[in-house]
């Protein structure tokens, strides 16, 4: 049942957590709005108000834990965030709302994204947790390979120059030794490319962990992107050989490309969203 509420922050009838929430909220809004206090109107249900207070106090604790100095953020961003978060009943997702808000008000991160609160309001706990695990594993792997590549690059040029100098000192007619050094140079280049390939890989989710409607929802939100898996088929064919040509002309070649399904990757937007829902120091 809805009721017409007009609750002032100075009221003594509200929860004890209200005063703490008021103090924290005053840091997030402009001075002009701070003077009016927090007004909950327009027939907002009491449960939504309590959820808002809980969110603000949770965010306050996250900020204190991570040494975040909160800044004022636009009401255009803060108001819909509080409204959407007030509808959340799942405790885990309530924590995510608090973390998201703590990152948005962090004066050092400078994140003012209106999309992230919308995404969080449209995703279920199951969808969030499955994709979050994939993203966390993905980021750990990427960071590990970036660290390894940086270490590799710190030694790469010297090792490459040493190999080239060693090869230059070998007589041109000593093909075996020169070939051995060239092989080492190629292996060095291959190792560097392997790191870069690993870093450029996408975060792939297992579609079987979701219901089909969950996949569609995550694609709709732009958190996932679908990549076609294609196979190339080429049936038997004949080759025409021209006596006076160095090339071979293939005749009657019929190449077929078939779609074998889809691979689902976390988008760049999705990666940014889950980073924004992760505590600063984690």
Protein backbone atom coordinates (compact mmCIF):
# COMPACT_ATOMS: atom_id res chain seq x y z
CA UNK A 1 0.00 0.00 0.00
CA UNK A 2 1.38 3.42 -0.94
CA UNK A 3 1.32 6.35 1.38
CA UNK A 4 2.04 10.04 0.96
CA UNK A 5 5.32 10.64 2.77
CA UNK A 6 6.94 13.99 3.47
CA UNK A 7 9.83 13.13 5.75
CA UNK A 8 12.37 15.75 6.84
CA UNK A 9 15.88 14.70 7.80
CA UNK A 10 15.55 16.54 11.11
CA UNK A 11 12.56 14.38 12.17
CA UNK A 12 13.09 12.38 15.37
CA UNK A 13 10.73 9.61 14.29
CA UNK A 14 12.96 8.02 11.67
CA UNK A 15 15.65 5.38 12.14
CA UNK A 16 18.86 6.10 14.02
CA UNK A 17 20.82 5.61 10.82
CA UNK A 18 19.17 8.65 9.28
CA UNK A 19 21.47 11.23 10.86
CA UNK A 20 24.57 9.41 9.68
CA UNK A 21 23.08 9.16 6.19
CA UNK A 22 22.26 12.87 6.22
CA UNK A 23 25.85 13.79 7.07
CA UNK A 24 27.19 11.60 4.31
CA UNK A 25 24.63 12.80 1.74
CA UNK A 26 25.55 16.42 2.43
CA UNK A 27 28.95 15.68 0.88
CA UNK A 28 27.39 14.40 -2.33
CA UNK A 29 25.01 17.26 -3.18
CA UNK A 30 25.50 20.95 -3.85
CA UNK A 31 25.18 23.46 -0.95
CA UNK A 32 21.87 24.81 -2.26
CA UNK A 33 20.29 21.37 -2.13
CA UNK A 34 21.94 20.56 1.18
CA UNK A 35 19.97 23.32 2.87
CA UNK A 36 16.65 21.71 1.95
CA UNK A 37 17.55 18.36 3.51
CA UNK A 38 16.52 15.00 2.12
CA UNK A 39 12.81 15.06 1.18
CA UNK A 40 11.09 11.82 0.28
CA UNK A 41 7.83 12.60 -1.54
CA UNK A 42 5.56 11.61 -4.38
CA UNK A 43 4.03 8.63 -2.58
CA UNK A 44 7.34 6.77 -2.25
CA UNK A 45 6.85 3.58 -0.28
CA UNK A 46 8.42 3.47 3.19
CA UNK A 47 10.47 0.43 2.22
CA UNK A 48 12.17 2.40 -0.55
CA UNK A 49 13.08 5.13 1.88
CA UNK A 50 14.61 2.61 4.28
CA UNK A 51 16.58 1.09 1.40
CA UNK A 52 17.93 4.51 0.47
CA UNK A 53 19.08 5.11 4.03
CA UNK A 54 20.67 1.67 4.13
CA UNK A 55 22.44 2.35 0.82
CA UNK A 56 23.86 5.67 1.99
CA UNK A 57 25.17 4.17 5.22
CA UNK A 58 26.69 1.21 3.39
CA UNK A 59 28.34 3.59 0.93
CA UNK A 60 29.67 5.64 3.82
CA UNK A 61 31.30 2.52 5.28
CA UNK A 62 32.80 1.54 1.90
CA UNK A 63 34.25 5.03 1.52
CA UNK A 64 35.75 4.93 5.01
CA UNK A 65 37.16 1.44 4.44
CA UNK A 66 38.86 2.45 1.17
CA UNK A 67 39.92 5.95 2.26
CA UNK A 68 37.66 7.57 -0.34
CA UNK A 69 37.10 11.30 -0.04
CA UNK A 70 33.56 11.74 -1.41
CA UNK A 71 32.78 14.58 -3.78
CA UNK A 72 29.53 16.18 -4.90
CA UNK A 73 28.01 14.56 -8.00
CA UNK A 74 25.27 15.88 -10.31
CA UNK A 75 21.72 15.37 -9.06
CA UNK A 76 20.98 14.00 -12.54
CA UNK A 77 23.23 11.08 -11.61
CA UNK A 78 22.53 10.81 -7.88
CA UNK A 79 18.72 10.94 -7.92
CA UNK A 80 18.05 8.09 -10.41
CA UNK A 81 20.72 6.03 -8.66
CA UNK A 82 18.98 6.41 -5.30
CA UNK A 83 15.59 5.72 -6.91
CA UNK A 84 16.74 2.54 -8.66
CA UNK A 85 18.74 1.30 -5.69
CA UNK A 86 15.73 1.77 -3.41
CA UNK A 87 13.93 -0.99 -5.36
CA UNK A 88 16.67 -3.55 -4.74
CA UNK A 89 15.80 -6.20 -2.15
CA UNK A 90 18.73 -8.57 -2.69
CA UNK A 91 21.41 -7.98 -0.04
CA UNK A 92 24.29 -8.84 -2.39
CA UNK A 93 23.12 -6.40 -5.05
CA UNK A 94 22.50 -3.76 -2.38
CA UNK A 95 26.20 -4.07 -1.57
CA UNK A 96 27.01 -3.61 -5.27
CA UNK A 97 24.94 -0.43 -5.33
CA UNK A 98 26.93 0.88 -2.37
CA UNK A 99 30.23 0.02 -4.06
CA UNK A 100 29.11 1.62 -7.32
CA UNK A 101 28.07 4.80 -5.53
CA UNK A 102 31.37 4.90 -3.60
CA UNK A 103 33.29 4.78 -6.88
CA UNK A 104 31.10 7.43 -8.50
CA UNK A 105 31.69 9.87 -5.63
CA UNK A 106 35.41 9.10 -5.37
CA UNK A 107 37.21 12.38 -6.03
CA UNK A 108 40.28 10.50 -7.29
CA UNK A 109 38.56 8.26 -9.84
CA UNK A 110 36.51 10.93 -11.64
CA UNK A 111 33.78 8.52 -12.80
CA UNK A 112 30.49 10.16 -13.77
CA UNK A 113 28.71 7.56 -15.86
CA UNK A 114 24.91 7.62 -16.07
CA UNK A 115 24.81 4.20 -17.73
CA UNK A 116 26.24 2.12 -14.87
CA UNK A 117 23.31 2.69 -12.44
CA UNK A 118 20.90 1.78 -15.23
CA UNK A 119 22.77 -1.44 -15.97
CA UNK A 120 22.76 -2.45 -12.31
CA UNK A 121 19.03 -1.79 -12.09
CA UNK A 122 18.40 -4.13 -15.05
CA UNK A 123 20.47 -7.15 -14.03
CA UNK A 124 19.64 -10.07 -11.76
CA UNK A 125 21.90 -11.38 -9.02
CA UNK A 126 22.57 -14.56 -11.00
CA UNK A 127 23.49 -12.64 -14.14
CA UNK A 128 25.73 -10.33 -12.15
CA UNK A 129 27.60 -13.03 -10.24
CA UNK A 130 28.29 -15.27 -13.24
CA UNK A 131 29.61 -12.45 -15.43
CA UNK A 132 31.49 -10.90 -12.50
CA UNK A 133 33.42 -14.14 -11.95
CA UNK A 134 34.37 -14.28 -15.64
CA UNK A 135 35.46 -10.63 -15.62
CA UNK A 136 37.52 -11.05 -12.43
CA UNK A 137 39.34 -14.10 -13.85
CA UNK A 138 39.82 -12.27 -17.15
CA UNK A 139 41.30 -9.18 -15.50
CA UNK A 140 43.64 -11.29 -13.36
CA UNK A 141 44.90 -13.08 -16.48
CA UNK A 142 45.31 -9.82 -18.40
CA UNK A 143 47.19 -8.17 -15.53
CA UNK A 144 49.42 -11.23 -15.18
CA UNK A 145 50.29 -11.16 -18.89
CA UNK A 146 50.83 -7.39 -18.89
CA UNK A 147 53.26 -7.77 -15.99
CA UNK A 148 55.04 -10.60 -17.81
CA UNK A 149 55.18 -8.58 -21.05
CA UNK A 150 56.61 -5.55 -19.27
CA UNK A 151 59.30 -7.72 -17.70
CA UNK A 152 59.97 -9.32 -21.09
CA UNK A 153 60.22 -5.91 -22.81
CA UNK A 154 62.70 -4.68 -20.21
CA UNK A 155 65.14 -7.34 -21.43
CA UNK A 156 63.92 -7.82 -25.01
CA UNK A 157 65.99 -5.24 -26.88
CA UNK A 158 69.28 -6.18 -25.22
CA UNK A 159 68.74 -9.92 -25.84
CA UNK A 160 67.75 -9.20 -29.46
CA UNK A 161 70.81 -7.03 -30.04
CA UNK A 162 73.07 -9.67 -28.49
CA UNK A 163 71.67 -12.34 -30.83
CA UNK A 164 72.12 -10.10 -33.87
CA UNK A 165 75.67 -9.19 -32.92
CA UNK A 166 76.48 -12.86 -32.37
CA UNK A 167 75.04 -13.74 -35.78
CA UNK A 168 76.99 -10.95 -37.50
CA UNK A 169 80.23 -12.39 -36.16
CA UNK A 170 79.51 -15.79 -37.70
CA UNK A 171 80.89 -16.29 -41.26
CA UNK A 172 78.24 -16.22 -43.98
CA UNK A 173 79.19 -19.72 -45.10
CA UNK A 174 78.51 -21.18 -41.65
CA UNK A 175 74.82 -21.73 -42.37
CA UNK A 176 74.20 -24.04 -39.41
CA UNK A 177 75.33 -21.57 -36.73
CA UNK A 178 73.65 -18.60 -38.41
CA UNK A 179 70.45 -20.61 -38.72
CA UNK A 180 70.62 -21.51 -35.03
CA UNK A 181 70.86 -17.83 -34.02
CA UNK A 182 68.05 -16.89 -36.42
CA UNK A 183 65.92 -19.56 -34.79
CA UNK A 184 66.53 -18.03 -31.35
CA UNK A 185 65.56 -14.60 -32.68
CA UNK A 186 62.33 -16.03 -34.10
CA UNK A 187 61.56 -17.73 -30.79
CA UNK A 188 62.09 -14.39 -29.04
CA UNK A 189 59.65 -12.67 -31.42
CA UNK A 190 57.15 -15.51 -30.99
CA UNK A 191 57.29 -15.20 -27.20
CA UNK A 192 56.54 -11.48 -27.42
CA UNK A 193 53.63 -12.08 -29.78
CA UNK A 194 52.21 -14.77 -27.48
CA UNK A 195 51.98 -12.26 -24.61
CA UNK A 196 50.28 -9.73 -26.87
CA UNK A 197 47.81 -12.33 -28.11
CA UNK A 198 46.91 -13.29 -24.54
CA UNK A 199 46.39 -9.63 -23.61
CA UNK A 200 44.13 -9.04 -26.63
CA UNK A 201 41.85 -12.00 -25.86
CA UNK A 202 38.23 -11.38 -24.91
CA UNK A 203 36.40 -12.42 -21.75
CA UNK A 204 34.29 -15.36 -22.91
CA UNK A 205 31.30 -16.52 -20.90
CA UNK A 206 29.81 -20.01 -20.80
CA UNK A 207 26.35 -19.61 -22.31
CA UNK A 208 25.15 -22.80 -20.60
CA UNK A 209 25.32 -21.05 -17.23
CA UNK A 210 22.45 -18.81 -18.32
CA UNK A 211 18.89 -19.16 -19.44
CA UNK A 212 18.37 -17.89 -22.98
CA UNK A 213 16.40 -14.86 -21.77
CA UNK A 214 19.33 -13.91 -19.52
CA UNK A 215 21.68 -13.97 -22.51
CA UNK A 216 19.27 -11.76 -24.46
CA UNK A 217 19.01 -9.36 -21.53
CA UNK A 218 22.79 -9.04 -21.18
CA UNK A 219 23.12 -8.46 -24.92
CA UNK A 220 20.31 -5.89 -24.79
CA UNK A 221 22.19 -4.00 -22.09
CA UNK A 222 25.43 -4.12 -24.06
CA UNK A 223 27.18 -6.12 -21.35
CA UNK A 224 27.65 -9.05 -23.72
CA UNK A 225 28.28 -9.16 -27.46
CA UNK A 226 27.57 -12.17 -29.68
CA UNK A 227 30.32 -13.24 -32.07
CA UNK A 228 29.37 -15.65 -34.89
CA UNK A 229 31.35 -18.89 -35.00
CA UNK A 230 31.93 -19.66 -38.66
CA UNK A 231 33.39 -22.65 -40.46
CA UNK A 232 34.70 -22.72 -44.02
CA UNK A 233 33.98 -25.76 -46.18
CA UNK A 234 35.64 -26.41 -49.54
CA UNK A 235 34.59 -29.55 -51.45
CA UNK A 236 36.80 -31.50 -53.84
CA UNK A 237 38.10 -29.48 -56.75
CA UNK A 238 40.34 -29.78 -59.79
CA UNK A 239 43.54 -27.89 -60.59
CA UNK A 240 44.58 -26.72 -64.03
CA UNK A 241 48.33 -26.58 -64.57
CA UNK A 242 49.72 -24.21 -67.20
CA UNK A 243 53.05 -25.41 -68.54
CA UNK A 244 54.28 -21.86 -69.09
CA UNK A 245 53.20 -20.48 -65.72
CA UNK A 246 54.66 -20.67 -62.24
CA UNK A 247 51.20 -20.63 -60.63
CA UNK A 248 48.39 -23.19 -60.37
CA UNK A 249 44.84 -22.20 -61.28
CA UNK A 250 42.10 -23.89 -59.26
CA UNK A 251 38.91 -24.67 -61.13
CA UNK A 252 35.36 -25.17 -59.86
CA UNK A 253 36.13 -24.08 -56.31
CA UNK A 254 32.94 -23.67 -54.27
CA UNK A 255 33.70 -22.26 -50.82
CA UNK A 256 30.91 -22.37 -48.26
CA UNK A 257 30.87 -20.43 -45.02
CA UNK A 258 28.46 -21.78 -42.42
CA UNK A 259 27.44 -20.37 -39.06
CA UNK A 260 28.09 -22.87 -36.26
CA UNK A 261 26.55 -20.77 -33.52
CA UNK A 262 27.72 -17.88 -31.41
CA UNK A 263 30.38 -17.08 -28.85
CA UNK A 264 29.43 -14.62 -26.13
CA UNK A 265 32.05 -12.14 -24.95
CA UNK A 266 31.89 -9.49 -22.26
CA UNK A 267 31.97 -6.12 -24.03
CA UNK A 268 34.30 -3.24 -23.19
CA UNK A 269 31.31 -1.50 -21.60
CA UNK A 270 30.67 -4.63 -19.54
CA UNK A 271 34.28 -4.71 -18.31
CA UNK A 272 34.05 -1.04 -17.30
CA UNK A 273 30.72 -1.64 -15.54
CA UNK A 274 32.02 -4.51 -13.41
CA UNK A 275 35.14 -2.53 -12.54
CA UNK A 276 32.84 0.27 -11.33
CA UNK A 277 31.03 -2.27 -9.13
CA UNK A 278 34.27 -3.48 -7.54
CA UNK A 279 35.71 -1.97 -4.37
CA UNK A 280 38.50 0.48 -5.11
CA UNK A 281 41.26 -1.41 -3.31
CA UNK A 282 40.37 -4.86 -4.61
